[in-house]
């Protein structure tokens, strides 16, 4: 279940001219499609807002935690969509270490006064949704969270360009689902 769908937490409405920082790895970058088909670009078209694609293919959560401060300073974002940890999971990195890196990122973003929307990456198990530490962090920090989207898309062959990445239809579905999550949580108003 989406935490936002349960009545909490809520986000402040984004204003025209506000920037969303889409921060993450290859799923944010849009590996498998051209830049115009990445989820941040599609989300920008859907929302009418400036969505900065700060995805780096192959990035680990530790690398993301080091890169994040400069991205926050450079973009002056009003909202961060965080999708990190997938490469760590693929490399069988200890889940406590992944969680600690994500915790550092979330704290830094929130200390900057910026709300965080967290998307969980599935474990390496058949039919898995997000690894449990994503939900734990979402609950700890009262984040708008989706723990099912990426897992659902990963289990849908027609949405994938390779075993890990999505095709244009998959990234479009990702953008549409994130757009709906932002609407449901109050960040985007009709």
N, C-alpha and C. Protein backbone atom coordinates (compact mmCIF):
# COMPACT_ATOMS: atom_id res chain seq x y z
N UNK A 1 0.85 -1.19 0.00
CA UNK A 1 0.00 0.00 0.00
C UNK A 1 0.89 1.25 0.00
N UNK A 2 0.39 2.25 -0.65
CA UNK A 2 1.08 3.54 -0.64
C UNK A 2 0.76 4.24 0.67
N UNK A 3 1.79 4.76 1.33
CA UNK A 3 1.53 5.50 2.56
C UNK A 3 0.65 6.71 2.30
N UNK A 4 0.85 7.35 1.15
CA UNK A 4 0.05 8.53 0.82
C UNK A 4 -1.43 8.16 0.70
N UNK A 5 -1.71 6.97 0.22
CA UNK A 5 -3.09 6.55 0.04
C UNK A 5 -3.77 6.30 1.37
N UNK A 6 -3.00 6.12 2.44
CA UNK A 6 -3.56 5.85 3.76
C UNK A 6 -3.92 7.13 4.50
N UNK A 7 -3.79 8.27 3.85
CA UNK A 7 -4.16 9.53 4.47
C UNK A 7 -2.98 10.32 5.00
N UNK A 8 -1.79 9.76 4.95
CA UNK A 8 -0.61 10.49 5.39
C UNK A 8 0.58 9.92 4.67
N UNK A 9 1.61 10.64 4.54
CA UNK A 9 1.74 12.07 4.78
C UNK A 9 1.26 12.88 3.59
N UNK A 10 1.16 14.15 3.79
CA UNK A 10 0.75 15.06 2.72
C UNK A 10 1.91 15.98 2.35
N UNK A 11 1.93 16.41 1.11
CA UNK A 11 2.94 17.34 0.62
C UNK A 11 2.30 18.69 0.37
N UNK A 12 3.10 19.74 0.48
CA UNK A 12 2.63 21.07 0.12
C UNK A 12 2.51 21.15 -1.40
N UNK A 13 1.53 21.88 -1.91
CA UNK A 13 1.39 22.01 -3.36
C UNK A 13 2.62 22.68 -3.99
N UNK A 14 3.07 22.11 -5.08
CA UNK A 14 4.15 22.73 -5.84
C UNK A 14 3.59 23.89 -6.63
N UNK A 15 4.41 24.92 -6.79
CA UNK A 15 4.00 26.12 -7.50
C UNK A 15 4.60 26.13 -8.90
N UNK A 16 3.98 26.86 -9.84
CA UNK A 16 4.60 26.99 -11.16
C UNK A 16 6.03 27.53 -11.00
N UNK A 17 6.94 26.94 -11.71
CA UNK A 17 8.34 27.33 -11.60
C UNK A 17 9.14 26.51 -10.61
N UNK A 18 8.47 25.74 -9.76
CA UNK A 18 9.18 24.86 -8.83
C UNK A 18 9.88 23.75 -9.60
N UNK A 19 10.99 23.29 -9.03
CA UNK A 19 11.75 22.21 -9.64
C UNK A 19 11.62 20.94 -8.81
N UNK A 20 11.52 19.82 -9.51
CA UNK A 20 11.58 18.51 -8.89
C UNK A 20 12.93 17.91 -9.25
N UNK A 21 13.65 17.42 -8.26
CA UNK A 21 14.91 16.73 -8.50
C UNK A 21 14.63 15.24 -8.50
N UNK A 22 14.78 14.60 -9.65
CA UNK A 22 14.66 13.15 -9.77
C UNK A 22 16.07 12.60 -9.59
N UNK A 23 16.32 12.02 -8.41
CA UNK A 23 17.67 11.61 -8.04
C UNK A 23 17.73 10.09 -7.95
N UNK A 24 18.72 9.50 -8.63
CA UNK A 24 18.84 8.05 -8.56
C UNK A 24 19.86 7.49 -9.51
N UNK A 25 19.61 6.26 -9.92
CA UNK A 25 20.54 5.52 -10.76
C UNK A 25 19.99 5.38 -12.18
N UNK A 26 20.22 4.25 -12.81
CA UNK A 26 19.83 4.06 -14.21
C UNK A 26 18.32 4.12 -14.43
N UNK A 27 17.51 3.75 -13.43
CA UNK A 27 16.06 3.83 -13.60
C UNK A 27 15.60 5.28 -13.66
N UNK A 28 16.32 6.17 -13.01
CA UNK A 28 16.05 7.60 -13.12
C UNK A 28 16.62 8.15 -14.42
N UNK A 29 17.83 7.76 -14.74
CA UNK A 29 18.49 8.21 -15.96
C UNK A 29 17.67 7.86 -17.20
N UNK A 30 17.09 6.66 -17.19
CA UNK A 30 16.30 6.20 -18.34
C UNK A 30 17.06 5.24 -19.23
N UNK A 31 17.95 4.45 -18.65
CA UNK A 31 18.70 3.46 -19.43
C UNK A 31 17.73 2.56 -20.18
N UNK A 32 17.98 2.39 -21.47
CA UNK A 32 17.12 1.56 -22.31
C UNK A 32 16.26 2.36 -23.27
N UNK A 33 16.19 3.69 -23.06
CA UNK A 33 15.40 4.56 -23.94
C UNK A 33 16.18 5.84 -24.18
N UNK A 34 15.66 6.68 -25.10
CA UNK A 34 16.30 7.99 -25.28
C UNK A 34 15.84 8.94 -24.18
N UNK A 35 16.53 10.04 -24.02
CA UNK A 35 16.27 10.97 -22.91
C UNK A 35 14.82 11.46 -22.87
N UNK A 36 14.21 11.62 -24.03
CA UNK A 36 12.82 12.11 -24.09
C UNK A 36 11.82 11.10 -23.53
N UNK A 37 12.23 9.85 -23.38
CA UNK A 37 11.33 8.81 -22.89
C UNK A 37 11.62 8.43 -21.43
N UNK A 38 12.60 9.07 -20.80
CA UNK A 38 12.91 8.78 -19.39
C UNK A 38 11.74 9.24 -18.52
N UNK A 39 11.61 8.64 -17.34
CA UNK A 39 10.49 9.03 -16.50
C UNK A 39 10.55 10.51 -16.09
N UNK A 40 11.73 11.11 -15.79
CA UNK A 40 11.71 12.54 -15.43
C UNK A 40 11.19 13.43 -16.56
N UNK A 41 11.54 13.12 -17.80
CA UNK A 41 11.07 13.93 -18.93
C UNK A 41 9.58 13.79 -19.12
N UNK A 42 9.08 12.56 -19.01
CA UNK A 42 7.63 12.33 -19.14
C UNK A 42 6.89 12.99 -17.98
N UNK A 43 7.45 12.89 -16.77
CA UNK A 43 6.82 13.53 -15.61
C UNK A 43 6.77 15.04 -15.78
N UNK A 44 7.80 15.62 -16.36
CA UNK A 44 7.81 17.07 -16.62
C UNK A 44 6.67 17.45 -17.56
N UNK A 45 6.47 16.65 -18.60
CA UNK A 45 5.36 16.93 -19.53
C UNK A 45 4.01 16.79 -18.84
N UNK A 46 3.85 15.78 -18.02
CA UNK A 46 2.57 15.56 -17.34
C UNK A 46 2.27 16.67 -16.33
N UNK A 47 3.29 17.10 -15.61
CA UNK A 47 3.09 18.03 -14.50
C UNK A 47 3.21 19.49 -14.91
N UNK A 48 3.90 19.77 -16.01
CA UNK A 48 4.17 21.15 -16.38
C UNK A 48 5.26 21.79 -15.54
N UNK A 49 5.95 20.98 -14.74
CA UNK A 49 7.01 21.48 -13.87
C UNK A 49 8.37 21.09 -14.44
N UNK A 50 9.40 21.76 -13.96
CA UNK A 50 10.77 21.45 -14.35
C UNK A 50 11.23 20.25 -13.52
N UNK A 51 11.50 19.13 -14.18
CA UNK A 51 11.97 17.93 -13.49
C UNK A 51 13.40 17.68 -13.94
N UNK A 52 14.33 17.79 -13.00
CA UNK A 52 15.76 17.63 -13.28
C UNK A 52 16.11 16.15 -13.20
N UNK A 53 16.64 15.60 -14.28
CA UNK A 53 17.05 14.20 -14.30
C UNK A 53 18.48 14.11 -13.76
N UNK A 54 18.60 13.65 -12.51
CA UNK A 54 19.91 13.47 -11.88
C UNK A 54 20.15 11.98 -11.64
N UNK A 55 19.94 11.20 -12.70
CA UNK A 55 20.19 9.77 -12.62
C UNK A 55 21.56 9.43 -13.18
N UNK A 56 22.27 8.55 -12.48
CA UNK A 56 23.60 8.10 -12.90
C UNK A 56 23.58 6.57 -12.98
N UNK A 57 23.66 6.01 -14.19
CA UNK A 57 23.66 4.55 -14.32
C UNK A 57 24.80 3.91 -13.52
N UNK A 58 24.48 2.82 -12.85
CA UNK A 58 25.47 2.07 -12.09
C UNK A 58 25.79 2.61 -10.71
N UNK A 59 25.18 3.73 -10.34
CA UNK A 59 25.49 4.36 -9.06
C UNK A 59 24.99 3.53 -7.89
N UNK A 60 25.81 3.44 -6.85
CA UNK A 60 25.40 2.82 -5.60
C UNK A 60 24.84 3.88 -4.66
N UNK A 61 24.21 3.42 -3.58
CA UNK A 61 23.65 4.37 -2.61
C UNK A 61 24.76 5.19 -1.95
N UNK A 62 25.91 4.57 -1.70
CA UNK A 62 27.03 5.32 -1.10
C UNK A 62 27.51 6.42 -2.05
N UNK A 63 27.60 6.11 -3.33
CA UNK A 63 28.00 7.12 -4.31
C UNK A 63 26.95 8.22 -4.40
N UNK A 64 25.69 7.84 -4.37
CA UNK A 64 24.62 8.83 -4.41
C UNK A 64 24.65 9.75 -3.21
N UNK A 65 24.94 9.19 -2.04
CA UNK A 65 25.00 10.02 -0.83
C UNK A 65 26.11 11.06 -0.93
N UNK A 66 27.21 10.71 -1.59
CA UNK A 66 28.30 11.67 -1.78
C UNK A 66 27.94 12.74 -2.81
N UNK A 67 27.19 12.36 -3.83
CA UNK A 67 26.85 13.27 -4.93
C UNK A 67 25.70 14.21 -4.58
N UNK A 68 24.84 13.77 -3.68
CA UNK A 68 23.59 14.49 -3.40
C UNK A 68 23.77 15.95 -2.97
N UNK A 69 24.69 16.30 -2.05
CA UNK A 69 24.76 17.70 -1.62
C UNK A 69 24.95 18.68 -2.78
N UNK A 70 25.81 18.34 -3.73
CA UNK A 70 26.04 19.24 -4.87
C UNK A 70 24.79 19.37 -5.73
N UNK A 71 24.07 18.27 -5.91
CA UNK A 71 22.83 18.32 -6.71
C UNK A 71 21.77 19.18 -6.02
N UNK A 72 21.65 19.05 -4.71
CA UNK A 72 20.67 19.88 -3.98
C UNK A 72 21.01 21.35 -4.12
N UNK A 73 22.28 21.67 -3.99
CA UNK A 73 22.70 23.07 -4.09
C UNK A 73 22.50 23.61 -5.51
N UNK A 74 22.83 22.80 -6.50
CA UNK A 74 22.75 23.25 -7.90
C UNK A 74 21.31 23.42 -8.38
N UNK A 75 20.41 22.56 -7.92
CA UNK A 75 19.05 22.57 -8.49
C UNK A 75 18.07 23.43 -7.73
N UNK A 76 18.31 23.66 -6.42
CA UNK A 76 17.34 24.40 -5.60
C UNK A 76 15.94 23.82 -5.77
N UNK A 77 15.84 22.50 -5.65
CA UNK A 77 14.58 21.80 -5.88
C UNK A 77 13.58 22.05 -4.76
N UNK A 78 12.30 21.96 -5.12
CA UNK A 78 11.22 22.07 -4.15
C UNK A 78 10.75 20.69 -3.67
N UNK A 79 11.21 19.64 -4.37
CA UNK A 79 10.81 18.26 -4.05
C UNK A 79 11.88 17.34 -4.63
N UNK A 80 12.19 16.25 -3.92
CA UNK A 80 13.12 15.24 -4.41
C UNK A 80 12.40 13.91 -4.52
N UNK A 81 12.53 13.27 -5.67
CA UNK A 81 12.07 11.89 -5.86
C UNK A 81 13.33 11.04 -5.81
N UNK A 82 13.41 10.15 -4.82
CA UNK A 82 14.61 9.38 -4.55
C UNK A 82 14.40 7.91 -4.92
N UNK A 83 15.24 7.43 -5.85
CA UNK A 83 15.24 6.01 -6.24
C UNK A 83 16.69 5.56 -6.27
N UNK A 84 17.16 5.03 -5.18
CA UNK A 84 18.55 4.56 -5.05
C UNK A 84 18.57 3.19 -4.38
N UNK A 85 19.66 2.48 -4.54
CA UNK A 85 19.86 1.22 -3.86
C UNK A 85 19.75 -0.01 -4.74
N UNK A 86 19.25 0.16 -5.95
CA UNK A 86 19.08 -0.99 -6.84
C UNK A 86 20.39 -1.67 -7.19
N UNK A 87 21.41 -0.88 -7.46
CA UNK A 87 22.71 -1.47 -7.80
C UNK A 87 23.34 -2.17 -6.59
N UNK A 88 23.08 -1.64 -5.41
CA UNK A 88 23.55 -2.29 -4.18
C UNK A 88 22.88 -3.66 -4.01
N UNK A 89 21.57 -3.69 -4.25
CA UNK A 89 20.83 -4.95 -4.13
C UNK A 89 21.34 -5.95 -5.15
N UNK A 90 21.57 -5.51 -6.39
CA UNK A 90 22.08 -6.41 -7.41
C UNK A 90 23.45 -6.97 -7.05
N UNK A 91 24.24 -6.19 -6.30
CA UNK A 91 25.59 -6.62 -5.91
C UNK A 91 25.61 -7.31 -4.55
N UNK A 92 24.42 -7.60 -4.01
CA UNK A 92 24.29 -8.29 -2.73
C UNK A 92 24.95 -7.55 -1.56
N UNK A 93 24.91 -6.23 -1.61
CA UNK A 93 25.45 -5.42 -0.51
C UNK A 93 24.56 -5.58 0.71
N UNK A 94 25.14 -5.55 1.87
CA UNK A 94 24.41 -5.69 3.12
C UNK A 94 23.29 -4.65 3.21
N UNK A 95 22.09 -5.11 3.53
CA UNK A 95 20.93 -4.22 3.55
C UNK A 95 21.05 -3.12 4.61
N UNK A 96 21.74 -3.41 5.72
CA UNK A 96 21.92 -2.37 6.74
C UNK A 96 22.77 -1.22 6.21
N UNK A 97 23.75 -1.54 5.37
CA UNK A 97 24.60 -0.49 4.79
C UNK A 97 23.83 0.33 3.75
N UNK A 98 23.00 -0.33 2.96
CA UNK A 98 22.16 0.39 1.98
C UNK A 98 21.23 1.33 2.74
N UNK A 99 20.59 0.79 3.76
CA UNK A 99 19.65 1.59 4.54
C UNK A 99 20.34 2.80 5.17
N UNK A 100 21.56 2.61 5.66
CA UNK A 100 22.30 3.72 6.28
C UNK A 100 22.60 4.81 5.25
N UNK A 101 22.97 4.43 4.03
CA UNK A 101 23.23 5.43 2.99
C UNK A 101 21.95 6.17 2.61
N UNK A 102 20.85 5.44 2.47
CA UNK A 102 19.58 6.08 2.16
C UNK A 102 19.15 7.00 3.30
N UNK A 103 19.36 6.57 4.53
CA UNK A 103 19.04 7.38 5.69
C UNK A 103 19.81 8.71 5.65
N UNK A 104 21.10 8.64 5.31
CA UNK A 104 21.90 9.87 5.19
C UNK A 104 21.31 10.81 4.14
N UNK A 105 20.91 10.24 3.00
CA UNK A 105 20.34 11.08 1.93
C UNK A 105 19.03 11.72 2.36
N UNK A 106 18.16 10.94 2.97
CA UNK A 106 16.86 11.46 3.39
C UNK A 106 17.04 12.56 4.42
N UNK A 107 17.91 12.34 5.41
CA UNK A 107 18.15 13.36 6.43
C UNK A 107 18.69 14.65 5.81
N UNK A 108 19.64 14.52 4.90
CA UNK A 108 20.21 15.70 4.24
C UNK A 108 19.14 16.48 3.48
N UNK A 109 18.31 15.78 2.74
CA UNK A 109 17.25 16.45 1.97
C UNK A 109 16.28 17.15 2.91
N UNK A 110 15.84 16.44 3.94
CA UNK A 110 14.89 17.04 4.87
C UNK A 110 15.51 18.20 5.65
N UNK A 111 16.79 18.10 6.01
CA UNK A 111 17.45 19.21 6.70
C UNK A 111 17.56 20.43 5.80
N UNK A 112 17.51 20.20 4.49
CA UNK A 112 17.51 21.31 3.53
C UNK A 112 16.12 21.89 3.36
N UNK A 113 15.14 21.34 4.06
CA UNK A 113 13.77 21.83 4.00
C UNK A 113 13.01 21.35 2.77
N UNK A 114 13.47 20.26 2.17
CA UNK A 114 12.86 19.75 0.93
C UNK A 114 12.17 18.43 1.23
N UNK A 115 10.92 18.28 0.81
CA UNK A 115 10.24 17.00 1.00
C UNK A 115 10.81 15.92 0.07
N UNK A 116 10.71 14.67 0.53
CA UNK A 116 11.23 13.52 -0.20
C UNK A 116 10.08 12.58 -0.54
N UNK A 117 10.06 12.11 -1.78
CA UNK A 117 9.20 11.02 -2.20
C UNK A 117 10.13 9.84 -2.47
N UNK A 118 9.90 8.72 -1.79
CA UNK A 118 10.78 7.56 -1.87
C UNK A 118 10.11 6.44 -2.65
N UNK A 119 10.83 5.90 -3.62
CA UNK A 119 10.37 4.71 -4.33
C UNK A 119 11.31 3.56 -3.98
N UNK A 120 10.73 2.45 -3.56
CA UNK A 120 11.50 1.29 -3.15
C UNK A 120 11.85 0.40 -4.32
N UNK A 121 13.03 -0.18 -4.25
CA UNK A 121 13.52 -1.12 -5.25
C UNK A 121 13.34 -2.53 -4.70
N UNK A 122 12.90 -3.46 -5.54
CA UNK A 122 12.65 -4.82 -5.03
C UNK A 122 13.92 -5.58 -4.68
N UNK A 123 13.73 -6.53 -3.78
CA UNK A 123 14.78 -7.48 -3.46
C UNK A 123 14.97 -8.42 -4.65
N UNK A 124 16.04 -9.19 -4.62
CA UNK A 124 16.29 -10.15 -5.69
C UNK A 124 15.56 -11.45 -5.39
N UNK A 125 14.24 -11.36 -5.33
CA UNK A 125 13.38 -12.52 -5.08
C UNK A 125 12.22 -12.45 -6.07
N UNK A 126 11.77 -13.60 -6.48
CA UNK A 126 10.65 -13.67 -7.40
C UNK A 126 9.42 -13.01 -6.77
N UNK A 127 8.74 -12.17 -7.51
CA UNK A 127 7.51 -11.49 -7.09
C UNK A 127 7.71 -10.54 -5.91
N UNK A 128 8.92 -10.05 -5.73
CA UNK A 128 9.22 -9.18 -4.60
C UNK A 128 8.79 -7.74 -4.88
N UNK A 129 8.31 -7.10 -3.84
CA UNK A 129 8.15 -5.66 -3.87
C UNK A 129 9.37 -5.08 -3.17
N UNK A 130 9.32 -3.84 -2.76
CA UNK A 130 10.50 -3.15 -2.23
C UNK A 130 11.11 -3.90 -1.05
N UNK A 131 12.43 -3.84 -0.99
CA UNK A 131 13.14 -4.38 0.16
C UNK A 131 12.58 -3.73 1.43
N UNK A 132 12.46 -4.46 2.52
CA UNK A 132 11.79 -3.94 3.73
C UNK A 132 12.36 -2.63 4.27
N UNK A 133 13.65 -2.39 4.10
CA UNK A 133 14.22 -1.17 4.68
C UNK A 133 13.67 0.09 4.04
N UNK A 134 13.16 0.02 2.82
CA UNK A 134 12.55 1.22 2.21
C UNK A 134 11.30 1.63 2.99
N UNK A 135 10.44 0.68 3.30
CA UNK A 135 9.22 1.00 4.06
C UNK A 135 9.60 1.50 5.46
N UNK A 136 10.61 0.87 6.07
CA UNK A 136 11.05 1.30 7.41
C UNK A 136 11.48 2.77 7.38
N UNK A 137 12.26 3.15 6.37
CA UNK A 137 12.69 4.55 6.25
C UNK A 137 11.51 5.47 5.98
N UNK A 138 10.60 5.04 5.11
CA UNK A 138 9.43 5.86 4.81
C UNK A 138 8.61 6.13 6.05
N UNK A 139 8.45 5.11 6.88
CA UNK A 139 7.68 5.28 8.11
C UNK A 139 8.46 6.13 9.11
N UNK A 140 9.75 5.90 9.24
CA UNK A 140 10.57 6.66 10.18
C UNK A 140 10.55 8.15 9.88
N UNK A 141 10.60 8.50 8.59
CA UNK A 141 10.69 9.91 8.20
C UNK A 141 9.37 10.47 7.64
N UNK A 142 8.28 9.71 7.77
CA UNK A 142 6.97 10.15 7.29
C UNK A 142 7.02 10.60 5.83
N UNK A 143 7.55 9.73 4.98
CA UNK A 143 7.71 10.05 3.56
C UNK A 143 6.54 9.54 2.74
N UNK A 144 6.23 10.27 1.69
CA UNK A 144 5.36 9.71 0.65
C UNK A 144 6.18 8.60 0.01
N UNK A 145 5.58 7.42 -0.15
CA UNK A 145 6.34 6.22 -0.50
C UNK A 145 5.53 5.32 -1.43
N UNK A 146 6.24 4.72 -2.37
CA UNK A 146 5.66 3.66 -3.20
C UNK A 146 6.63 2.49 -3.18
N UNK A 147 6.18 1.38 -2.65
CA UNK A 147 7.01 0.19 -2.57
C UNK A 147 6.64 -0.88 -3.57
N UNK A 148 5.69 -0.58 -4.45
CA UNK A 148 5.20 -1.60 -5.38
C UNK A 148 5.51 -1.31 -6.84
N UNK A 149 5.59 -0.06 -7.22
CA UNK A 149 5.67 0.33 -8.63
C UNK A 149 6.84 -0.34 -9.36
N UNK A 150 8.05 -0.19 -8.85
CA UNK A 150 9.22 -0.71 -9.57
C UNK A 150 9.16 -2.23 -9.64
N UNK A 151 8.77 -2.88 -8.56
CA UNK A 151 8.63 -4.33 -8.58
C UNK A 151 7.60 -4.80 -9.59
N UNK A 152 6.48 -4.11 -9.65
CA UNK A 152 5.42 -4.48 -10.61
C UNK A 152 5.93 -4.34 -12.04
N UNK A 153 6.63 -3.24 -12.32
CA UNK A 153 7.16 -3.06 -13.67
C UNK A 153 8.25 -4.08 -13.99
N UNK A 154 9.05 -4.43 -12.99
CA UNK A 154 10.11 -5.44 -13.20
C UNK A 154 9.52 -6.81 -13.55
N UNK A 155 8.32 -7.08 -13.06
CA UNK A 155 7.67 -8.38 -13.31
C UNK A 155 6.83 -8.38 -14.59
N UNK A 156 6.85 -7.27 -15.35
CA UNK A 156 6.03 -7.16 -16.55
C UNK A 156 6.94 -7.09 -17.77
N UNK A 157 7.17 -8.23 -18.44
CA UNK A 157 8.11 -8.25 -19.57
C UNK A 157 7.82 -7.22 -20.66
N UNK A 158 6.56 -6.90 -20.88
CA UNK A 158 6.21 -5.95 -21.94
C UNK A 158 6.64 -4.52 -21.60
N UNK A 159 7.07 -4.28 -20.36
CA UNK A 159 7.49 -2.95 -19.92
C UNK A 159 9.01 -2.81 -19.87
N UNK A 160 9.74 -3.86 -20.27
CA UNK A 160 11.19 -3.87 -20.05
C UNK A 160 11.97 -3.87 -21.36
N UNK A 161 13.14 -3.21 -21.32
CA UNK A 161 14.06 -3.20 -22.46
C UNK A 161 15.16 -4.24 -22.28
N UNK A 162 15.39 -4.66 -21.04
CA UNK A 162 16.38 -5.69 -20.71
C UNK A 162 15.97 -6.24 -19.34
N UNK A 163 16.72 -7.16 -18.74
CA UNK A 163 16.28 -7.74 -17.47
C UNK A 163 16.11 -6.74 -16.32
N UNK A 164 16.73 -5.57 -16.39
CA UNK A 164 16.69 -4.62 -15.28
C UNK A 164 15.97 -3.32 -15.62
N UNK A 165 16.09 -2.86 -16.86
CA UNK A 165 15.60 -1.53 -17.23
C UNK A 165 14.29 -1.60 -18.00
N UNK A 166 13.62 -0.46 -18.03
CA UNK A 166 12.31 -0.39 -18.69
C UNK A 166 12.44 0.11 -20.12
N UNK A 167 11.39 -0.12 -20.89
CA UNK A 167 11.30 0.44 -22.24
C UNK A 167 10.45 1.71 -22.14
N UNK A 168 10.14 2.29 -23.28
CA UNK A 168 9.38 3.55 -23.27
C UNK A 168 8.04 3.40 -22.55
N UNK A 169 7.35 2.29 -22.77
CA UNK A 169 6.07 2.06 -22.09
C UNK A 169 6.27 1.95 -20.58
N UNK A 170 7.34 1.28 -20.17
CA UNK A 170 7.61 1.13 -18.74
C UNK A 170 7.92 2.45 -18.06
N UNK A 171 8.77 3.25 -18.69
CA UNK A 171 9.09 4.56 -18.09
C UNK A 171 7.88 5.49 -18.12
N UNK A 172 7.05 5.38 -19.15
CA UNK A 172 5.82 6.18 -19.19
C UNK A 172 4.90 5.78 -18.04
N UNK A 173 4.75 4.47 -17.81
CA UNK A 173 3.94 3.99 -16.69
C UNK A 173 4.52 4.46 -15.35
N UNK A 174 5.83 4.44 -15.26
CA UNK A 174 6.50 4.92 -14.05
C UNK A 174 6.18 6.40 -13.82
N UNK A 175 6.32 7.21 -14.86
CA UNK A 175 6.03 8.65 -14.74
C UNK A 175 4.57 8.90 -14.40
N UNK A 176 3.66 8.18 -15.04
CA UNK A 176 2.24 8.36 -14.77
C UNK A 176 1.89 7.97 -13.33
N UNK A 177 2.50 6.89 -12.85
CA UNK A 177 2.24 6.46 -11.47
C UNK A 177 2.81 7.45 -10.46
N UNK A 178 4.00 7.98 -10.73
CA UNK A 178 4.58 8.99 -9.83
C UNK A 178 3.75 10.26 -9.87
N UNK A 179 3.29 10.65 -11.06
CA UNK A 179 2.42 11.81 -11.18
C UNK A 179 1.16 11.63 -10.33
N UNK A 180 0.56 10.45 -10.40
CA UNK A 180 -0.64 10.17 -9.60
C UNK A 180 -0.32 10.19 -8.11
N UNK A 181 0.83 9.66 -7.74
CA UNK A 181 1.26 9.69 -6.34
C UNK A 181 1.41 11.13 -5.85
N UNK A 182 1.99 11.98 -6.69
CA UNK A 182 2.14 13.39 -6.33
C UNK A 182 0.79 14.09 -6.22
N UNK A 183 -0.14 13.75 -7.11
CA UNK A 183 -1.50 14.30 -7.01
C UNK A 183 -2.19 13.84 -5.72
N UNK A 184 -2.10 12.53 -5.46
CA UNK A 184 -2.77 11.96 -4.29
C UNK A 184 -2.22 12.54 -2.99
N UNK A 185 -0.95 12.91 -2.97
CA UNK A 185 -0.32 13.43 -1.76
C UNK A 185 -0.42 14.95 -1.65
N UNK A 186 -1.00 15.61 -2.65
CA UNK A 186 -1.23 17.06 -2.58
C UNK A 186 -0.17 17.92 -3.23
N UNK A 187 0.90 17.32 -3.76
CA UNK A 187 1.98 18.12 -4.35
C UNK A 187 1.53 18.76 -5.67
N UNK A 188 0.68 18.07 -6.39
CA UNK A 188 0.17 18.58 -7.66
C UNK A 188 -1.35 18.65 -7.55
N UNK A 189 -1.89 19.83 -7.82
CA UNK A 189 -3.32 20.02 -7.75
C UNK A 189 -3.91 20.07 -9.15
N UNK A 190 -5.16 19.68 -9.26
CA UNK A 190 -5.86 19.73 -10.55
C UNK A 190 -6.14 21.14 -10.97
